[in-house]
Amino acid sequence: RPGADPSEMAEEKLREEIRKREDESFKQAEAEIQKAIQASPELQELSKNIMMDITPEGLRIQIVDQDGNPMFPSGSAEMYDKTKNLMAQVAKVIEKMPNELSIRGHTDSVPYGSRTSYGNWELSAERANASRRVLESAGLPAKRLNNVVGKSDTDHQFPDKPTDARNRRVS
């Protein structure tokens, strides 16, 4: 760019190189997680319950319910053993990375009975926190956690299908 400050240009190139290296690191982590899932017969069945993509925030890993194959019992924050095993495999890969983590719990829009004070906000927050505990017990350092958030049904994966099982997830 004519007239551009050389130090600004160098800084921009450096930021671009860092972004490129991070993306490569994220792609490698994604491949390692897929490999770990394929290496375990128990986890192979869960391959459709994990979704990964690279977002402006970094690598997003989502553990997603499927019709007939939930990761948590209905209305509970106590995850199934299969979910704990999947989370432990994810932890082994992401613990090697330097990035901070955000954990978000999401629910579908199926309401609880009107006579309870427990709802999707509580459930999504408790599932996110349960996920944090499993990741930490699998070796992920607590200091890497940036936040643990319950999103309730405010950020659906499938907004046009608010009761779809795939909206129930931990990202």
C-alpha atoms as a PDB file:
ATOM      1  CA  ARG A   1       0.000   0.000   0.000  1.00  0.00           C
ATOM      2  CA  PRO A   2       1.521   3.339  -1.005  1.00  0.00           C
ATOM      3  CA  GLY A   3       2.113   5.656   1.929  1.00  0.00           C
ATOM      4  CA  ALA A   4       1.438   2.956   4.537  1.00  0.00           C
ATOM      5  CA  ASP A   5       3.554   2.921   7.658  1.00  0.00           C
ATOM      6  CA  PRO A   6       6.072   0.042   7.326  1.00  0.00           C
ATOM      7  CA  SER A   7       5.670  -0.911  10.998  1.00  0.00           C
ATOM      8  CA  GLU A   8       1.877  -1.134  10.550  1.00  0.00           C
ATOM      9  CA  MET A   9       2.384  -3.342   7.499  1.00  0.00           C
ATOM     10  CA  ALA A  10       4.775  -5.607   9.438  1.00  0.00           C
ATOM     11  CA  GLU A  11       2.316  -5.844  12.331  1.00  0.00           C
ATOM     12  CA  GLU A  12      -0.526  -6.718   9.945  1.00  0.00           C
ATOM     13  CA  LYS A  13       1.603  -9.459   8.346  1.00  0.00           C
ATOM     14  CA  LEU A  14       2.428 -10.832  11.798  1.00  0.00           C
ATOM     15  CA  ARG A  15      -1.267 -10.924  12.802  1.00  0.00           C
ATOM     16  CA  GLU A  16      -2.075 -12.706   9.545  1.00  0.00           C
ATOM     17  CA  GLU A  17       0.667 -15.290  10.183  1.00  0.00           C
ATOM     18  CA  ILE A  18      -0.581 -15.882  13.748  1.00  0.00           C
ATOM     19  CA  ARG A  19      -4.148 -16.384  12.457  1.00  0.00           C
ATOM     20  CA  LYS A  20      -2.874 -18.809   9.828  1.00  0.00           C
ATOM     21  CA  ARG A  21      -0.914 -20.840  12.403  1.00  0.00           C
ATOM     22  CA  GLU A  22      -3.890 -20.897  14.786  1.00  0.00           C
ATOM     23  CA  ASP A  23      -6.163 -22.162  12.005  1.00  0.00           C
ATOM     24  CA  GLU A  24      -3.635 -24.908  11.208  1.00  0.00           C
ATOM     25  CA  SER A  25      -3.501 -25.813  14.902  1.00  0.00           C
ATOM     26  CA  PHE A  26      -7.317 -25.929  15.062  1.00  0.00           C
ATOM     27  CA  LYS A  27      -7.475 -28.158  11.978  1.00  0.00           C
ATOM     28  CA  GLN A  28      -4.883 -30.487  13.510  1.00  0.00           C
ATOM     29  CA  ALA A  29      -6.863 -30.655  16.770  1.00  0.00           C
ATOM     30  CA  GLU A  30     -10.040 -31.419  14.821  1.00  0.00           C
ATOM     31  CA  ALA A  31      -8.258 -34.269  12.988  1.00  0.00           C
ATOM     32  CA  GLU A  32      -6.880 -35.659  16.287  1.00  0.00           C
ATOM     33  CA  ILE A  33     -10.342 -35.683  17.858  1.00  0.00           C
ATOM     34  CA  GLN A  34     -11.803 -37.474  14.817  1.00  0.00           C
ATOM     35  CA  LYS A  35      -8.949 -40.011  14.956  1.00  0.00           C
ATOM     36  CA  ALA A  36      -9.531 -40.667  18.681  1.00  0.00           C
ATOM     37  CA  ILE A  37     -13.242 -41.210  18.032  1.00  0.00           C
ATOM     38  CA  GLN A  38     -12.584 -43.619  15.158  1.00  0.00           C
ATOM     39  CA  ALA A  39     -10.070 -45.580  17.271  1.00  0.00           C
ATOM     40  CA  SER A  40     -12.688 -46.423  19.906  1.00  0.00           C
ATOM     41  CA  PRO A  41     -15.671 -48.634  18.998  1.00  0.00           C
ATOM     42  CA  GLU A  42     -17.661 -47.067  21.857  1.00  0.00           C
ATOM     43  CA  LEU A  43     -16.959 -43.536  20.631  1.00  0.00           C
ATOM     44  CA  GLN A  44     -17.528 -44.365  16.940  1.00  0.00           C
ATOM     45  CA  GLU A  45     -21.229 -44.554  17.714  1.00  0.00           C
ATOM     46  CA  LEU A  46     -21.014 -40.948  18.962  1.00  0.00           C
ATOM     47  CA  SER A  47     -19.299 -39.530  15.873  1.00  0.00           C
ATOM     48  CA  LYS A  48     -22.540 -37.874  14.745  1.00  0.00           C
ATOM     49  CA  ASN A  49     -22.880 -36.281  18.196  1.00  0.00           C
ATOM     50  CA  ILE A  50     -19.776 -34.164  17.741  1.00  0.00           C
ATOM     51  CA  MET A  51     -19.603 -31.171  15.430  1.00  0.00           C
ATOM     52  CA  MET A  52     -16.499 -29.052  14.894  1.00  0.00           C
ATOM     53  CA  ASP A  53     -15.938 -25.860  12.984  1.00  0.00           C
ATOM     54  CA  ILE A  54     -13.615 -22.895  13.026  1.00  0.00           C
ATOM     55  CA  THR A  55     -15.268 -19.610  14.001  1.00  0.00           C
ATOM     56  CA  PRO A  56     -13.849 -16.109  14.539  1.00  0.00           C
ATOM     57  CA  GLU A  57     -13.484 -17.111  18.233  1.00  0.00           C
ATOM     58  CA  GLY A  58     -11.476 -20.247  17.390  1.00  0.00           C
ATOM     59  CA  LEU A  59     -12.199 -23.963  17.160  1.00  0.00           C
ATOM     60  CA  ARG A  60     -15.756 -24.696  18.255  1.00  0.00           C
ATOM     61  CA  ILE A  61     -16.406 -28.246  19.412  1.00  0.00           C
ATOM     62  CA  GLN A  62     -20.035 -29.110  20.033  1.00  0.00           C
ATOM     63  CA  ILE A  63     -21.344 -32.209  21.776  1.00  0.00           C
ATOM     64  CA  VAL A  64     -24.850 -32.422  20.310  1.00  0.00           C
ATOM     65  CA  ASP A  65     -27.902 -34.530  21.148  1.00  0.00           C
ATOM     66  CA  GLN A  66     -29.411 -36.524  18.313  1.00  0.00           C
ATOM     67  CA  ASP A  67     -32.937 -37.948  18.243  1.00  0.00           C
ATOM     68  CA  GLY A  68     -32.726 -41.167  20.212  1.00  0.00           C
ATOM     69  CA  ASN A  69     -29.124 -40.541  21.272  1.00  0.00           C
ATOM     70  CA  PRO A  70     -28.954 -37.846  23.976  1.00  0.00           C
ATOM     71  CA  MET A  71     -25.766 -36.904  25.804  1.00  0.00           C
ATOM     72  CA  PHE A  72     -27.626 -36.219  29.079  1.00  0.00           C
ATOM     73  CA  PRO A  73     -30.803 -37.771  30.469  1.00  0.00           C
ATOM     74  CA  SER A  74     -33.823 -35.541  29.848  1.00  0.00           C
ATOM     75  CA  GLY A  75     -33.916 -32.637  32.293  1.00  0.00           C
ATOM     76  CA  SER A  76     -30.654 -33.702  33.968  1.00  0.00           C
ATOM     77  CA  ALA A  77     -27.147 -32.253  34.184  1.00  0.00           C
ATOM     78  CA  GLU A  78     -25.659 -35.671  35.091  1.00  0.00           C
ATOM     79  CA  MET A  79     -24.127 -36.780  31.784  1.00  0.00           C
ATOM     80  CA  TYR A  80     -24.073 -40.341  30.547  1.00  0.00           C
ATOM     81  CA  ASP A  81     -20.769 -42.267  30.781  1.00  0.00           C
ATOM     82  CA  LYS A  82     -20.500 -42.221  26.970  1.00  0.00           C
ATOM     83  CA  THR A  83     -20.598 -38.405  27.113  1.00  0.00           C
ATOM     84  CA  LYS A  84     -17.913 -38.321  29.823  1.00  0.00           C
ATOM     85  CA  ASN A  85     -15.702 -40.575  27.671  1.00  0.00           C
ATOM     86  CA  LEU A  86     -16.196 -38.351  24.639  1.00  0.00           C
ATOM     87  CA  MET A  87     -15.395 -35.231  26.706  1.00  0.00           C
ATOM     88  CA  ALA A  88     -12.256 -36.913  28.073  1.00  0.00           C
ATOM     89  CA  GLN A  89     -11.052 -37.592  24.510  1.00  0.00           C
ATOM     90  CA  VAL A  90     -11.694 -33.968  23.591  1.00  0.00           C
ATOM     91  CA  ALA A  91      -9.790 -32.836  26.713  1.00  0.00           C
ATOM     92  CA  LYS A  92      -6.721 -34.904  25.751  1.00  0.00           C
ATOM     93  CA  VAL A  93      -6.491 -33.041  22.458  1.00  0.00           C
ATOM     94  CA  ILE A  94      -7.333 -29.508  23.562  1.00  0.00           C
ATOM     95  CA  GLU A  95      -5.106 -29.606  26.650  1.00  0.00           C
ATOM     96  CA  LYS A  96      -2.120 -29.443  24.238  1.00  0.00           C
ATOM     97  CA  MET A  97      -3.365 -26.134  22.832  1.00  0.00           C
ATOM     98  CA  PRO A  98      -2.605 -22.770  24.492  1.00  0.00           C
ATOM     99  CA  ASN A  99      -6.036 -21.196  23.940  1.00  0.00           C
ATOM    100  CA  GLU A 100      -8.518 -20.207  26.614  1.00  0.00           C
ATOM    101  CA  LEU A 101     -11.813 -22.086  26.678  1.00  0.00           C
ATOM    102  CA  SER A 102     -15.416 -21.026  26.853  1.00  0.00           C
ATOM    103  CA  ILE A 103     -18.010 -23.655  27.691  1.00  0.00           C
ATOM    104  CA  ARG A 104     -21.634 -22.999  26.784  1.00  0.00           C
ATOM    105  CA  GLY A 105     -24.679 -25.102  27.576  1.00  0.00           C
ATOM    106  CA  HIS A 106     -27.693 -24.907  25.249  1.00  0.00           C
ATOM    107  CA  THR A 107     -31.214 -26.316  25.441  1.00  0.00           C
ATOM    108  CA  ASP A 108     -34.090 -26.741  23.046  1.00  0.00           C
ATOM    109  CA  SER A 109     -37.302 -24.759  23.563  1.00  0.00           C
ATOM    110  CA  VAL A 110     -39.275 -27.512  25.243  1.00  0.00           C
ATOM    111  CA  PRO A 111     -40.543 -25.890  28.456  1.00  0.00           C
ATOM    112  CA  TYR A 112     -40.626 -27.454  31.894  1.00  0.00           C
ATOM    113  CA  GLY A 113     -43.910 -27.757  33.747  1.00  0.00           C
ATOM    114  CA  SER A 114     -45.318 -24.441  34.947  1.00  0.00           C
ATOM    115  CA  ARG A 115     -45.099 -25.528  38.602  1.00  0.00           C
ATOM    116  CA  THR A 116     -41.326 -25.658  38.770  1.00  0.00           C
ATOM    117  CA  SER A 117     -38.751 -22.934  39.343  1.00  0.00           C
ATOM    118  CA  TYR A 118     -36.166 -25.034  37.469  1.00  0.00           C
ATOM    119  CA  GLY A 119     -36.017 -24.375  33.750  1.00  0.00           C
ATOM    120  CA  ASN A 120     -33.840 -24.240  30.671  1.00  0.00           C
ATOM    121  CA  TRP A 121     -31.616 -21.498  32.119  1.00  0.00           C
ATOM    122  CA  GLU A 122     -30.698 -23.642  35.107  1.00  0.00           C
ATOM    123  CA  LEU A 123     -30.331 -26.793  33.032  1.00  0.00           C
ATOM    124  CA  SER A 124     -28.072 -25.205  30.409  1.00  0.00           C
ATOM    125  CA  ALA A 125     -25.834 -23.615  33.071  1.00  0.00           C
ATOM    126  CA  GLU A 126     -25.596 -26.868  35.044  1.00  0.00           C
ATOM    127  CA  ARG A 127     -24.726 -28.870  31.921  1.00  0.00           C
ATOM    128  CA  ALA A 128     -21.992 -26.381  31.032  1.00  0.00           C
ATOM    129  CA  ASN A 129     -20.621 -26.642  34.560  1.00  0.00           C
ATOM    130  CA  ALA A 130     -20.819 -30.459  34.507  1.00  0.00           C
ATOM    131  CA  SER A 131     -18.800 -30.344  31.279  1.00  0.00           C
ATOM    132  CA  ARG A 132     -16.205 -28.114  32.944  1.00  0.00           C
ATOM    133  CA  ARG A 133     -15.824 -30.616  35.780  1.00  0.00           C
ATOM    134  CA  VAL A 134     -15.308 -33.519  33.355  1.00  0.00           C
ATOM    135  CA  LEU A 135     -12.775 -31.573  31.273  1.00  0.00           C
ATOM    136  CA  GLU A 136     -10.843 -30.597  34.405  1.00  0.00           C
ATOM    137  CA  SER A 137     -10.873 -34.144  35.786  1.00  0.00           C
ATOM    138  CA  ALA A 138      -9.520 -35.306  32.403  1.00  0.00           C
ATOM    139  CA  GLY A 139      -6.510 -32.996  32.848  1.00  0.00           C
ATOM    140  CA  LEU A 140      -7.520 -29.626  31.432  1.00  0.00           C
ATOM    141  CA  PRO A 141      -6.078 -26.875  33.687  1.00  0.00           C
ATOM    142  CA  ALA A 142      -8.754 -24.687  35.321  1.00  0.00           C
ATOM    143  CA  LYS A 143      -6.703 -21.555  34.549  1.00  0.00           C
ATOM    144  CA  ARG A 144      -7.457 -22.082  30.828  1.00  0.00           C
ATOM    145  CA  LEU A 145     -11.181 -21.522  31.383  1.00  0.00           C
ATOM    146  CA  ASN A 146     -12.430 -18.099  30.394  1.00  0.00           C
ATOM    147  CA  ASN A 147     -16.126 -18.659  31.113  1.00  0.00           C
ATOM    148  CA  VAL A 148     -18.828 -21.243  31.713  1.00  0.00           C
ATOM    149  CA  VAL A 149     -22.208 -20.058  30.481  1.00  0.00           C
ATOM    150  CA  GLY A 150     -25.791 -21.291  30.315  1.00  0.00           C
ATOM    151  CA  LYS A 151     -27.512 -20.024  27.158  1.00  0.00           C
ATOM    152  CA  SER A 152     -30.916 -21.692  27.685  1.00  0.00           C
ATOM    153  CA  ASP A 153     -32.771 -21.701  24.353  1.00  0.00           C
ATOM    154  CA  THR A 154     -31.449 -18.320  23.164  1.00  0.00           C
ATOM    155  CA  ASP A 155     -28.945 -19.563  20.560  1.00  0.00           C
ATOM    156  CA  HIS A 156     -30.366 -22.525  18.651  1.00  0.00           C
ATOM    157  CA  GLN A 157     -28.319 -24.520  16.182  1.00  0.00           C
ATOM    158  CA  PHE A 158     -31.565 -24.872  14.205  1.00  0.00           C
ATOM    159  CA  PRO A 159     -33.600 -21.692  14.888  1.00  0.00           C
ATOM    160  CA  ASP A 160     -36.419 -22.776  12.564  1.00  0.00           C
ATOM    161  CA  LYS A 161     -36.823 -26.002  14.614  1.00  0.00           C
ATOM    162  CA  PRO A 162     -36.756 -24.829  18.260  1.00  0.00           C
ATOM    163  CA  THR A 163     -37.654 -28.241  19.729  1.00  0.00           C
ATOM    164  CA  ASP A 164     -35.118 -30.184  17.623  1.00  0.00           C
ATOM    165  CA  ALA A 165     -32.890 -32.452  19.743  1.00  0.00           C
ATOM    166  CA  ARG A 166     -29.775 -31.030  18.050  1.00  0.00           C
ATOM    167  CA  ASN A 167     -30.381 -27.700  19.782  1.00  0.00           C
ATOM    168  CA  ARG A 168     -29.485 -29.454  23.047  1.00  0.00           C
ATOM    169  CA  ARG A 169     -25.730 -29.250  23.138  1.00  0.00           C
ATOM    170  CA  VAL A 170     -22.588 -28.168  24.942  1.00  0.00           C
ATOM    171  CA  SER A 171     -20.140 -26.107  22.922  1.00  0.00           C
END
